[in-house]
């Protein structure tokens, strides 16, 4: 393998760069949300829609809530990346694409 092949394989694909641009900040912010939420709420006081208490361990509540926070923040960041990378409309195109 020569240096040109190694340098080409060392550069990540654009899709993987976008994935990391979404995943890493959302992971970090999910951790921040976890700290902020559970600084105010005690996991043992959580109830299921006001009925009975959750019989989960504190670790389970922390883990599930972190995953939910990470998922929601990742979806939000993904939509932002998608909207930021939409192609521009051609000059002669109508904004809605019709009538032509």
Foldseek 3Di string as FASTA:
>chain_A
DDPVVVVVVVDDDPVVVLLCVLQVVLLVVLVVVLCVVCVPDPQQPDDDVPDHTDPDDSVVVSVVSSVVSSVVSSVVSVVVVVVVPDDDDDPPADPVRDDD
